[in-house]
Amino acid sequence: MQFFKNLLADESGATAIEYGLIAALIAVACITTLTAVGAELNNTFTTVKDKLVTANTPGA
């Protein structure tokens, strides 16, 4: 019975779990940010491409 009491009182693994949760949160924030920036970059390059095509079209 003492073994289980000691096991429940032991907090040595709690720090590793906390660091893991922080790393997961940072990863989710990075993925979310990069996804939003990627979509904006795609829109920007599409706009530039469309304007270049229009500018290089004869008779425009």
PDB file of N, CA and C in Angstrom:
ATOM      1  N   MET A   1       0.825  -1.194   0.000  1.00  0.00           N
ATOM      2  CA  MET A   1       0.000   0.000   0.000  1.00  0.00           C
ATOM      3  C   MET A   1       0.870   1.259   0.000  1.00  0.00           C
ATOM      4  N   GLN A   2       1.987   1.197   0.675  1.00  0.00           N
ATOM      5  CA  GLN A   2       2.900   2.344   0.723  1.00  0.00           C
ATOM      6  C   GLN A   2       3.440   2.658  -0.675  1.00  0.00           C
ATOM      7  N   PHE A   3       3.633   1.603  -1.478  1.00  0.00           N
ATOM      8  CA  PHE A   3       4.139   1.799  -2.833  1.00  0.00           C
ATOM      9  C   PHE A   3       3.191   2.689  -3.637  1.00  0.00           C
ATOM     10  N   PHE A   4       1.901   2.450  -3.536  1.00  0.00           N
ATOM     11  CA  PHE A   4       0.926   3.231  -4.297  1.00  0.00           C
ATOM     12  C   PHE A   4       0.837   4.669  -3.792  1.00  0.00           C
ATOM     13  N   LYS A   5       0.970   4.853  -2.486  1.00  0.00           N
ATOM     14  CA  LYS A   5       0.980   6.209  -1.938  1.00  0.00           C
ATOM     15  C   LYS A   5       2.190   6.980  -2.443  1.00  0.00           C
ATOM     16  N   ASN A   6       3.342   6.322  -2.473  1.00  0.00           N
ATOM     17  CA  ASN A   6       4.547   6.968  -2.993  1.00  0.00           C
ATOM     18  C   ASN A   6       4.413   7.262  -4.490  1.00  0.00           C
ATOM     19  N   LEU A   7       3.792   6.353  -5.223  1.00  0.00           N
ATOM     20  CA  LEU A   7       3.615   6.528  -6.653  1.00  0.00           C
ATOM     21  C   LEU A   7       2.711   7.728  -6.950  1.00  0.00           C
ATOM     22  N   LEU A   8       1.640   7.878  -6.190  1.00  0.00           N
ATOM     23  CA  LEU A   8       0.733   9.006  -6.378  1.00  0.00           C
ATOM     24  C   LEU A   8       1.365  10.328  -5.953  1.00  0.00           C
ATOM     25  N   ALA A   9       2.241  10.291  -4.983  1.00  0.00           N
ATOM     26  CA  ALA A   9       2.879  11.516  -4.493  1.00  0.00           C
ATOM     27  C   ALA A   9       4.055  11.937  -5.374  1.00  0.00           C
ATOM     28  N   ASP A  10       4.570  11.021  -6.179  1.00  0.00           N
ATOM     29  CA  ASP A  10       5.733  11.318  -7.024  1.00  0.00           C
ATOM     30  C   ASP A  10       5.324  12.246  -8.161  1.00  0.00           C
ATOM     31  N   GLU A  11       5.990  13.387  -8.274  1.00  0.00           N
ATOM     32  CA  GLU A  11       5.673  14.371  -9.309  1.00  0.00           C
ATOM     33  C   GLU A  11       6.839  14.561 -10.282  1.00  0.00           C
ATOM     34  N   SER A  12       7.750  13.634 -10.339  1.00  0.00           N
ATOM     35  CA  SER A  12       8.930  13.810 -11.188  1.00  0.00           C
ATOM     36  C   SER A  12       8.588  13.799 -12.672  1.00  0.00           C
ATOM     37  N   GLY A  13       7.546  13.113 -13.074  1.00  0.00           N
ATOM     38  CA  GLY A  13       7.156  13.081 -14.485  1.00  0.00           C
ATOM     39  C   GLY A  13       6.289  14.250 -14.898  1.00  0.00           C
ATOM     40  N   ALA A  14       5.808  15.033 -13.934  1.00  0.00           N
ATOM     41  CA  ALA A  14       4.907  16.146 -14.248  1.00  0.00           C
ATOM     42  C   ALA A  14       5.604  17.206 -15.077  1.00  0.00           C
ATOM     43  N   THR A  15       6.862  17.470 -14.833  1.00  0.00           N
ATOM     44  CA  THR A  15       7.583  18.493 -15.583  1.00  0.00           C
ATOM     45  C   THR A  15       7.704  18.101 -17.046  1.00  0.00           C
ATOM     46  N   ALA A  16       8.007  16.847 -17.313  1.00  0.00           N
ATOM     47  CA  ALA A  16       8.128  16.381 -18.692  1.00  0.00           C
ATOM     48  C   ALA A  16       6.792  16.513 -19.419  1.00  0.00           C
ATOM     49  N   ILE A  17       5.720  16.199 -18.748  1.00  0.00           N
ATOM     50  CA  ILE A  17       4.393  16.326 -19.349  1.00  0.00           C
ATOM     51  C   ILE A  17       4.076  17.786 -19.634  1.00  0.00           C
ATOM     52  N   GLU A  18       4.421  18.664 -18.718  1.00  0.00           N
ATOM     53  CA  GLU A  18       4.176  20.095 -18.923  1.00  0.00           C
ATOM     54  C   GLU A  18       4.967  20.620 -20.115  1.00  0.00           C
ATOM     55  N   TYR A  19       6.240  20.218 -20.227  1.00  0.00           N
ATOM     56  CA  TYR A  19       7.044  20.633 -21.373  1.00  0.00           C
ATOM     57  C   TYR A  19       6.459  20.089 -22.676  1.00  0.00           C
ATOM     58  N   GLY A  20       5.956  18.885 -22.635  1.00  0.00           N
ATOM     59  CA  GLY A  20       5.319  18.301 -23.819  1.00  0.00           C
ATOM     60  C   GLY A  20       4.084  19.074 -24.235  1.00  0.00           C
ATOM     61  N   LEU A  21       3.285  19.476 -23.268  1.00  0.00           N
ATOM     62  CA  LEU A  21       2.084  20.254 -23.572  1.00  0.00           C
ATOM     63  C   LEU A  21       2.438  21.634 -24.136  1.00  0.00           C
ATOM     64  N   ILE A  22       3.462  22.257 -23.590  1.00  0.00           N
ATOM     65  CA  ILE A  22       3.902  23.563 -24.089  1.00  0.00           C
ATOM     66  C   ILE A  22       4.412  23.419 -25.528  1.00  0.00           C
ATOM     67  N   ALA A  23       5.188  22.383 -25.801  1.00  0.00           N
ATOM     68  CA  ALA A  23       5.695  22.158 -27.154  1.00  0.00           C
ATOM     69  C   ALA A  23       4.553  21.908 -28.132  1.00  0.00           C
ATOM     70  N   ALA A  24       3.548  21.172 -27.715  1.00  0.00           N
ATOM     71  CA  ALA A  24       2.391  20.916 -28.575  1.00  0.00           C
ATOM     72  C   ALA A  24       1.632  22.207 -28.855  1.00  0.00           C
ATOM     73  N   LEU A  25       1.482  23.051 -27.852  1.00  0.00           N
ATOM     74  CA  LEU A  25       0.787  24.326 -28.041  1.00  0.00           C
ATOM     75  C   LEU A  25       1.554  25.222 -29.005  1.00  0.00           C
ATOM     76  N   ILE A  26       2.857  25.268 -28.870  1.00  0.00           N
ATOM     77  CA  ILE A  26       3.681  26.070 -29.783  1.00  0.00           C
ATOM     78  C   ILE A  26       3.569  25.525 -31.208  1.00  0.00           C
ATOM     79  N   ALA A  27       3.572  24.224 -31.370  1.00  0.00           N
ATOM     80  CA  ALA A  27       3.446  23.618 -32.694  1.00  0.00           C
ATOM     81  C   ALA A  27       2.111  23.970 -33.338  1.00  0.00           C
ATOM     82  N   VAL A  28       1.039  23.920 -32.578  1.00  0.00           N
ATOM     83  CA  VAL A  28      -0.282  24.272 -33.112  1.00  0.00           C
ATOM     84  C   VAL A  28      -0.319  25.738 -33.521  1.00  0.00           C
ATOM     85  N   ALA A  29       0.269  26.614 -32.708  1.00  0.00           N
ATOM     86  CA  ALA A  29       0.305  28.041 -33.053  1.00  0.00           C
ATOM     87  C   ALA A  29       1.109  28.281 -34.323  1.00  0.00           C
ATOM     88  N   CYS A  30       2.230  27.599 -34.479  1.00  0.00           N
ATOM     89  CA  CYS A  30       3.060  27.745 -35.689  1.00  0.00           C
ATOM     90  C   CYS A  30       2.316  27.258 -36.923  1.00  0.00           C
ATOM     91  N   ILE A  31       1.682  26.128 -36.827  1.00  0.00           N
ATOM     92  CA  ILE A  31       0.944  25.578 -37.973  1.00  0.00           C
ATOM     93  C   ILE A  31      -0.189  26.512 -38.371  1.00  0.00           C
ATOM     94  N   THR A  32      -0.911  27.037 -37.404  1.00  0.00           N
ATOM     95  CA  THR A  32      -2.012  27.952 -37.688  1.00  0.00           C
ATOM     96  C   THR A  32      -1.510  29.222 -38.364  1.00  0.00           C
ATOM     97  N   THR A  33      -0.442  29.782 -37.841  1.00  0.00           N
ATOM     98  CA  THR A  33       0.124  31.011 -38.407  1.00  0.00           C
ATOM     99  C   THR A  33       0.647  30.783 -39.814  1.00  0.00           C
ATOM    100  N   LEU A  34       1.396  29.711 -40.024  1.00  0.00           N
ATOM    101  CA  LEU A  34       1.960  29.441 -41.340  1.00  0.00           C
ATOM    102  C   LEU A  34       0.876  29.140 -42.366  1.00  0.00           C
ATOM    103  N   THR A  35      -0.205  28.516 -41.954  1.00  0.00           N
ATOM    104  CA  THR A  35      -1.313  28.255 -42.867  1.00  0.00           C
ATOM    105  C   THR A  35      -1.944  29.566 -43.324  1.00  0.00           C
ATOM    106  N   ALA A  36      -2.160  30.490 -42.403  1.00  0.00           N
ATOM    107  CA  ALA A  36      -2.757  31.780 -42.755  1.00  0.00           C
ATOM    108  C   ALA A  36      -1.823  32.589 -43.652  1.00  0.00           C
ATOM    109  N   VAL A  37      -0.536  32.604 -43.328  1.00  0.00           N
ATOM    110  CA  VAL A  37       0.434  33.348 -44.134  1.00  0.00           C
ATOM    111  C   VAL A  37       0.554  32.711 -45.518  1.00  0.00           C
ATOM    112  N   GLY A  38       0.522  31.397 -45.587  1.00  0.00           N
ATOM    113  CA  GLY A  38       0.603  30.706 -46.868  1.00  0.00           C
ATOM    114  C   GLY A  38      -0.559  31.044 -47.773  1.00  0.00           C
ATOM    115  N   ALA A  39      -1.750  31.125 -47.222  1.00  0.00           N
ATOM    116  CA  ALA A  39      -2.926  31.488 -48.015  1.00  0.00           C
ATOM    117  C   ALA A  39      -2.806  32.912 -48.544  1.00  0.00           C
ATOM    118  N   GLU A  40      -2.327  33.825 -47.718  1.00  0.00           N
ATOM    119  CA  GLU A  40      -2.148  35.210 -48.157  1.00  0.00           C
ATOM    120  C   GLU A  40      -1.085  35.306 -49.249  1.00  0.00           C
ATOM    121  N   LEU A  41       0.007  34.568 -49.103  1.00  0.00           N
ATOM    122  CA  LEU A  41       1.046  34.564 -50.136  1.00  0.00           C
ATOM    123  C   LEU A  41       0.508  34.012 -51.450  1.00  0.00           C
ATOM    124  N   ASN A  42      -0.287  32.983 -51.380  1.00  0.00           N
ATOM    125  CA  ASN A  42      -0.888  32.419 -52.577  1.00  0.00           C
ATOM    126  C   ASN A  42      -1.762  33.459 -53.268  1.00  0.00           C
ATOM    127  N   ASN A  43      -2.555  34.182 -52.517  1.00  0.00           N
ATOM    128  CA  ASN A  43      -3.405  35.227 -53.103  1.00  0.00           C
ATOM    129  C   ASN A  43      -2.555  36.323 -53.737  1.00  0.00           C
ATOM    130  N   THR A  44      -1.496  36.723 -53.087  1.00  0.00           N
ATOM    131  CA  THR A  44      -0.625  37.774 -53.611  1.00  0.00           C
ATOM    132  C   THR A  44       0.014  37.352 -54.926  1.00  0.00           C
ATOM    133  N   PHE A  45       0.575  36.157 -54.965  1.00  0.00           N
ATOM    134  CA  PHE A  45       1.226  35.691 -56.190  1.00  0.00           C
ATOM    135  C   PHE A  45       0.218  35.480 -57.319  1.00  0.00           C
ATOM    136  N   THR A  46      -0.988  35.056 -56.993  1.00  0.00           N
ATOM    137  CA  THR A  46      -2.022  34.909 -58.018  1.00  0.00           C
ATOM    138  C   THR A  46      -2.383  36.266 -58.602  1.00  0.00           C
ATOM    139  N   THR A  47      -2.507  37.279 -57.777  1.00  0.00           N
ATOM    140  CA  THR A  47      -2.806  38.632 -58.248  1.00  0.00           C
ATOM    141  C   THR A  47      -1.695  39.156 -59.153  1.00  0.00           C
ATOM    142  N   VAL A  48      -0.451  38.964 -58.746  1.00  0.00           N
ATOM    143  CA  VAL A  48       0.687  39.412 -59.552  1.00  0.00           C
ATOM    144  C   VAL A  48       0.695  38.686 -60.897  1.00  0.00           C
ATOM    145  N   LYS A  49       0.459  37.384 -60.877  1.00  0.00           N
ATOM    146  CA  LYS A  49       0.430  36.601 -62.119  1.00  0.00           C
ATOM    147  C   LYS A  49      -0.657  37.108 -63.054  1.00  0.00           C
ATOM    148  N   ASP A  50      -1.848  37.349 -62.522  1.00  0.00           N
ATOM    149  CA  ASP A  50      -2.954  37.827 -63.346  1.00  0.00           C
ATOM    150  C   ASP A  50      -2.634  39.183 -63.971  1.00  0.00           C
ATOM    151  N   LYS A  51      -2.024  40.071 -63.206  1.00  0.00           N
ATOM    152  CA  LYS A  51      -1.677  41.394 -63.734  1.00  0.00           C
ATOM    153  C   LYS A  51      -0.577  41.297 -64.790  1.00  0.00           C
ATOM    154  N   LEU A  52       0.371  40.391 -64.612  1.00  0.00           N
ATOM    155  CA  LEU A  52       1.408  40.203 -65.622  1.00  0.00           C
ATOM    156  C   LEU A  52       0.831  39.639 -66.915  1.00  0.00           C
ATOM    157  N   VAL A  53      -0.081  38.700 -66.809  1.00  0.00           N
ATOM    158  CA  VAL A  53      -0.720  38.145 -67.994  1.00  0.00           C
ATOM    159  C   VAL A  53      -1.493  39.228 -68.723  1.00  0.00           C
ATOM    160  N   THR A  54      -2.225  40.063 -67.985  1.00  0.00           N
ATOM    161  CA  THR A  54      -2.989  41.146 -68.585  1.00  0.00           C
ATOM    162  C   THR A  54      -2.059  42.164 -69.244  1.00  0.00           C
ATOM    163  N   ALA A  55      -0.965  42.488 -68.605  1.00  0.00           N
ATOM    164  CA  ALA A  55      -0.032  43.479 -69.145  1.00  0.00           C
ATOM    165  C   ALA A  55       0.675  42.969 -70.404  1.00  0.00           C
ATOM    166  N   ASN A  56       0.854  41.658 -70.514  1.00  0.00           N
ATOM    167  CA  ASN A  56       1.555  41.098 -71.664  1.00  0.00           C
ATOM    168  C   ASN A  56       0.626  40.622 -72.774  1.00  0.00           C
ATOM    169  N   THR A  57      -0.663  40.832 -72.616  1.00  0.00           N
ATOM    170  CA  THR A  57      -1.613  40.442 -73.646  1.00  0.00           C
ATOM    171  C   THR A  57      -1.634  41.520 -74.730  1.00  0.00           C
ATOM    172  N   PRO A  58      -1.387  41.141 -75.986  1.00  0.00           N
ATOM    173  CA  PRO A  58      -1.413  42.122 -77.067  1.00  0.00           C
ATOM    174  C   PRO A  58      -2.804  42.740 -77.239  1.00  0.00           C
ATOM    175  N   GLY A  59      -2.847  44.042 -77.430  1.00  0.00           N
ATOM    176  CA  GLY A  59      -4.105  44.742 -77.631  1.00  0.00           C
ATOM    177  C   GLY A  59      -4.829  45.103 -76.360  1.00  0.00           C
ATOM    178  N   ALA A  60      -4.198  44.907 -75.230  1.00  0.00           N
ATOM    179  CA  ALA A  60      -4.885  45.212 -73.969  1.00  0.00           C
ATOM    180  C   ALA A  60      -4.642  46.648 -73.565  1.00  0.00           C
TER     181      ALA A  60
END
